[in-house]
C-alpha atoms as a PDB file:
ATOM      1  CA  UNK A   1      95.747 120.511 120.677  1.00  0.00           C
ATOM      2  CA  UNK A   2      96.375 123.816 122.459  1.00  0.00           C
ATOM      3  CA  UNK A   3      95.041 125.250 125.557  1.00  0.00           C
ATOM      4  CA  UNK A   4      91.965 126.651 123.941  1.00  0.00           C
ATOM      5  CA  UNK A   5      90.923 123.154 122.950  1.00  0.00           C
ATOM      6  CA  UNK A   6      91.347 121.913 126.405  1.00  0.00           C
ATOM      7  CA  UNK A   7      89.371 124.637 127.878  1.00  0.00           C
ATOM      8  CA  UNK A   8      86.614 123.920 125.308  1.00  0.00           C
ATOM      9  CA  UNK A   9      86.572 120.280 126.423  1.00  0.00           C
ATOM     10  CA  UNK A  10      86.302 121.336 130.071  1.00  0.00           C
ATOM     11  CA  UNK A  11      83.272 123.669 129.259  1.00  0.00           C
ATOM     12  CA  UNK A  12      81.626 120.720 127.518  1.00  0.00           C
ATOM     13  CA  UNK A  13      82.474 118.307 130.489  1.00  0.00           C
ATOM     14  CA  UNK A  14      81.625 120.560 133.373  1.00  0.00           C
ATOM     15  CA  UNK A  15      78.640 122.365 131.690  1.00  0.00           C
ATOM     16  CA  UNK A  16      79.484 125.523 133.657  1.00  0.00           C
ATOM     17  CA  UNK A  17      80.975 128.931 133.251  1.00  0.00           C
ATOM     18  CA  UNK A  18      84.310 130.004 134.496  1.00  0.00           C
ATOM     19  CA  UNK A  19      84.404 132.257 137.437  1.00  0.00           C
ATOM     20  CA  UNK A  20      88.005 133.338 137.619  1.00  0.00           C
ATOM     21  CA  UNK A  21      91.298 132.589 136.093  1.00  0.00           C
ATOM     22  CA  UNK A  22      94.914 132.952 137.170  1.00  0.00           C
ATOM     23  CA  UNK A  23      97.473 132.197 134.462  1.00  0.00           C
ATOM     24  CA  UNK A  24     100.980 132.548 133.121  1.00  0.00           C
ATOM     25  CA  UNK A  25     102.179 132.275 129.474  1.00  0.00           C
ATOM     26  CA  UNK A  26     105.604 132.513 127.830  1.00  0.00           C
ATOM     27  CA  UNK A  27     107.406 131.320 124.772  1.00  0.00           C
ATOM     28  CA  UNK A  28     110.602 129.339 125.728  1.00  0.00           C
ATOM     29  CA  UNK A  29     110.403 126.753 122.942  1.00  0.00           C
ATOM     30  CA  UNK A  30     109.934 128.829 119.678  1.00  0.00           C
ATOM     31  CA  UNK A  31     111.689 131.976 120.746  1.00  0.00           C
ATOM     32  CA  UNK A  32     111.829 133.207 117.215  1.00  0.00           C
ATOM     33  CA  UNK A  33     107.972 133.196 116.937  1.00  0.00           C
ATOM     34  CA  UNK A  34     106.225 136.159 118.518  1.00  0.00           C
ATOM     35  CA  UNK A  35     103.596 134.125 120.165  1.00  0.00           C
ATOM     36  CA  UNK A  36     103.013 132.290 123.422  1.00  0.00           C
ATOM     37  CA  UNK A  37     103.801 128.448 123.166  1.00  0.00           C
ATOM     38  CA  UNK A  38     103.647 127.425 126.941  1.00  0.00           C
ATOM     39  CA  UNK A  39     101.037 128.207 129.513  1.00  0.00           C
ATOM     40  CA  UNK A  40      99.646 127.261 132.922  1.00  0.00           C
ATOM     41  CA  UNK A  41      96.257 128.230 134.155  1.00  0.00           C
ATOM     42  CA  UNK A  42      94.223 127.817 137.422  1.00  0.00           C
ATOM     43  CA  UNK A  43      90.475 127.917 136.778  1.00  0.00           C
ATOM     44  CA  UNK A  44      87.654 128.401 139.166  1.00  0.00           C
ATOM     45  CA  UNK A  45      84.222 127.304 138.010  1.00  0.00           C
ATOM     46  CA  UNK A  46      80.775 128.828 138.817  1.00  0.00           C
ATOM     47  CA  UNK A  47      79.758 125.190 139.984  1.00  0.00           C
ATOM     48  CA  UNK A  48      82.602 125.223 142.615  1.00  0.00           C
ATOM     49  CA  UNK A  49      84.925 123.016 140.669  1.00  0.00           C
ATOM     50  CA  UNK A  50      88.633 124.007 140.057  1.00  0.00           C
ATOM     51  CA  UNK A  51      90.921 122.884 137.268  1.00  0.00           C
ATOM     52  CA  UNK A  52      94.538 123.439 136.139  1.00  0.00           C
ATOM     53  CA  UNK A  53      95.461 123.593 132.445  1.00  0.00           C
ATOM     54  CA  UNK A  54      98.883 123.503 131.305  1.00  0.00           C
ATOM     55  CA  UNK A  55     100.213 123.452 127.623  1.00  0.00           C
ATOM     56  CA  UNK A  56     103.739 123.017 126.816  1.00  0.00           C
ATOM     57  CA  UNK A  57     105.028 123.234 123.095  1.00  0.00           C
ATOM     58  CA  UNK A  58     107.580 120.639 121.746  1.00  0.00           C
ATOM     59  CA  UNK A  59     109.846 120.969 118.560  1.00  0.00           C
ATOM     60  CA  UNK A  60     110.035 117.294 117.735  1.00  0.00           C
ATOM     61  CA  UNK A  61     108.759 113.813 118.807  1.00  0.00           C
ATOM     62  CA  UNK A  62     105.091 114.517 119.537  1.00  0.00           C
ATOM     63  CA  UNK A  63     102.405 112.119 118.009  1.00  0.00           C
ATOM     64  CA  UNK A  64      99.572 112.869 120.241  1.00  0.00           C
ATOM     65  CA  UNK A  65      98.134 115.452 122.626  1.00  0.00           C
ATOM     66  CA  UNK A  66      96.431 114.416 125.717  1.00  0.00           C
ATOM     67  CA  UNK A  67      94.129 115.837 128.380  1.00  0.00           C
ATOM     68  CA  UNK A  68      93.523 114.300 131.923  1.00  0.00           C
ATOM     69  CA  UNK A  69      90.428 114.919 134.157  1.00  0.00           C
ATOM     70  CA  UNK A  70      90.764 113.833 137.685  1.00  0.00           C
ATOM     71  CA  UNK A  71      87.325 114.041 139.420  1.00  0.00           C
ATOM     72  CA  UNK A  72      86.273 113.276 143.057  1.00  0.00           C
ATOM     73  CA  UNK A  73      85.619 109.527 142.202  1.00  0.00           C
ATOM     74  CA  UNK A  74      86.591 108.911 138.566  1.00  0.00           C
ATOM     75  CA  UNK A  75      89.089 109.976 135.899  1.00  0.00           C
ATOM     76  CA  UNK A  76      88.703 110.761 132.195  1.00  0.00           C
ATOM     77  CA  UNK A  77      91.638 110.750 129.709  1.00  0.00           C
ATOM     78  CA  UNK A  78      91.626 112.088 126.265  1.00  0.00           C
ATOM     79  CA  UNK A  79      94.335 111.364 123.594  1.00  0.00           C
ATOM     80  CA  UNK A  80      94.219 112.859 120.029  1.00  0.00           C
ATOM     81  CA  UNK A  81      96.599 111.878 117.322  1.00  0.00           C
ATOM     82  CA  UNK A  82      98.759 114.720 115.794  1.00  0.00           C
ATOM     83  CA  UNK A  83     100.346 115.092 112.336  1.00  0.00           C
ATOM     84  CA  UNK A  84      98.689 112.007 110.953  1.00  0.00           C
ATOM     85  CA  UNK A  85     100.205 109.777 113.630  1.00  0.00           C
ATOM     86  CA  UNK A  86      98.799 108.391 116.722  1.00  0.00           C
ATOM     87  CA  UNK A  87      95.173 107.624 117.566  1.00  0.00           C
ATOM     88  CA  UNK A  88      92.428 109.370 119.235  1.00  0.00           C
ATOM     89  CA  UNK A  89      91.148 107.678 122.307  1.00  0.00           C
ATOM     90  CA  UNK A  90      89.055 108.161 125.523  1.00  0.00           C
ATOM     91  CA  UNK A  91      89.281 106.296 128.700  1.00  0.00           C
ATOM     92  CA  UNK A  92      87.139 106.497 131.802  1.00  0.00           C
ATOM     93  CA  UNK A  93      88.780 105.338 135.052  1.00  0.00           C
ATOM     94  CA  UNK A  94      87.657 104.194 138.485  1.00  0.00           C
ATOM     95  CA  UNK A  95      89.997 103.036 141.298  1.00  0.00           C
ATOM     96  CA  UNK A  96      93.053 103.246 138.931  1.00  0.00           C
ATOM     97  CA  UNK A  97      91.430 100.949 136.496  1.00  0.00           C
ATOM     98  CA  UNK A  98      90.835 102.482 132.969  1.00  0.00           C
ATOM     99  CA  UNK A  99      88.330 101.311 130.398  1.00  0.00           C
ATOM    100  CA  UNK A 100      88.439 102.549 126.801  1.00  0.00           C
ATOM    101  CA  UNK A 101      85.472 104.152 125.409  1.00  0.00           C
ATOM    102  CA  UNK A 102      84.743 103.621 121.740  1.00  0.00           C
ATOM    103  CA  UNK A 103      85.355 106.880 119.776  1.00  0.00           C
ATOM    104  CA  UNK A 104      84.405 107.158 116.094  1.00  0.00           C
ATOM    105  CA  UNK A 105      87.552 108.232 114.069  1.00  0.00           C
ATOM    106  CA  UNK A 106      87.088 111.432 111.971  1.00  0.00           C
ATOM    107  CA  UNK A 107      88.961 112.680 109.169  1.00  0.00           C
ATOM    108  CA  UNK A 108      88.785 116.340 108.849  1.00  0.00           C
ATOM    109  CA  UNK A 109      90.369 116.764 105.507  1.00  0.00           C
END
């Protein structure tokens, strides 16, 4: 899951457009590939919310990608299995206590 997918999830969760973005990108991990593999963005939304998004590439050892949404009163965590390993899960948290939400597992192949 790269930054574009994280931003897509935020558009879905916030239901608003982005007002402004300040970002930085680079490629310190796969220097032999002419593409950005690491990024950080600060986003201000039209509904007065703000978010940060960071994406860091890894060469080995990653079996899932995750996103954390910290809201005023609650939190939401997404985890998506990668490379046929790991599981997809969603948790909703309140006061540091998380409850897993049942998510149907899809096979995109």
